[in-house]
Amino acid sequence: METRQVPVLLLTGYLGSGKTTLLNRILSNRKGIKFAVIVNDIGEVNIDADLIQKGGVVGGGDDSLVALQNGCICCTLKMDLVAQVADLVSSKSFDYIVIEASGICEPAPIANTICTMPTFGTQYMRGGLPYIDCIVTVVDALRMKDEFGGGEALGREDIGEDDLEKLIIEQLEFCNIVLLNKASEVTADELGRLRAIVKGINPGAKVLSCDYGNVDLDEIIYTGMFDFDAVATSAAWISAIEGEEDEDGEPEGEALEYGIETFVYTRREPLDINKFDNFIFKHWPSGIIRAKGLCYFSSEPDQCYLFEQAGREKLIKDAGLWYASMDEYELQQQMERDPQLRRDWDPVYGDRMQKIVFIGQKLDKEAITRLLDGCLAE
């Protein structure tokens, strides 16, 4: 017998972007679709769930609304999410499940949880299986304009400004659709620039504009758009870093019109960690929206690091060891398994390299190259 499958729409977006307004519009549809809703609010009182009920969409005593609070469904409430989704599917009372994630949730772990539910045990497979139909990231157009235009500080008491910028970009990078909400609060030119920024960050995302979450339901449900591998690799920095070393990303469409472009800095020589630290914290060029890539330092030549920048936040994280640190026998075995490694191998540096992708508006590539070359160890 064929397993019943229930589609899931995952709504993400930072605090105040309009997710709950959109959710109320979805639930008040006149298409006869039976929706179940899971709302995750990080606070002790689930404000979003309360707003949905007061909107008259989910009536008192109706078990179609599940509130998960005092935690985030991408981490601490992961198994609560699994259990609630399984219960909704097994009830066979609903056609479609909508998950409204907390404003501070990253979408990738939530999607991974839904996609891997069968691995948690047969008790979570009663009566069918859920699948991610689409991930929609809702963005406050005015707030995004300020955030990426050097405007005033946008941090709230419960989330720092640096965290906010990183979170926005992570939510934009892992989705199928970006909904630019409150679009009438910015000019047509500003809206065009925001669309270009989104496309610069995630070229594969579909971008829609609206006010008050007023979007055609057919645009966001039963789309069949989600594919985990495709979405996980849709960010512009990933395609750029996997491309040819000497090739810059060529902007297209709106990205070209508004000067949003991609640039890959590649060198084999090691960086001086003190010079690089001085560069990223004291001489960081303007116009950069996103930067991410691999690097290494003369003080630790065998150690690979991941450098990441989003907004004002910059991080360097351990990414393991370079293959060049292996002994000769292990290295030859690895090269047999991975022919690309042999093709990219440098006789002096092995697989060690600096390969950092920059995405931004009107980037001065020569200046960035000059500054980074100045960080190379002598």
Foldseek 3Di string as FASTA:
>chain_A
DDFDEAEEEEEEEAPPLQPLLLVLVLLPDPPPFFEAEEEEEADPDRPSVVVSDVVVSADPPRNSYHYDYVDFCLPDCVVVVLVVVLVVQQVPPGRHYYYYGYNLDQVLSNQVSLVCSVVVDCVSQHRHGYHYQWYEYGGALVVVLQLQVVHDQDDDPVDHSQSVQVRRLSSLLQTAEYEHEPVVVDDPVSVLVVVLVSCLFFVRHHYHYYYSSPDDPVVRPPNSRDDSVCSVQRTPFNVQLPDDQQDWADDDDSNVVQQKTKDKDKDLFAFAVVLVVCCLPPVDDPFWAWKWDWHHHPVCLQWIWIWIDHRSDIDIGTDGGDLVVDPPVVSVVVCVVPVVQVVCQDPVNRNHMTIMMTIGGPDPVVVVNVSRVVRGDD
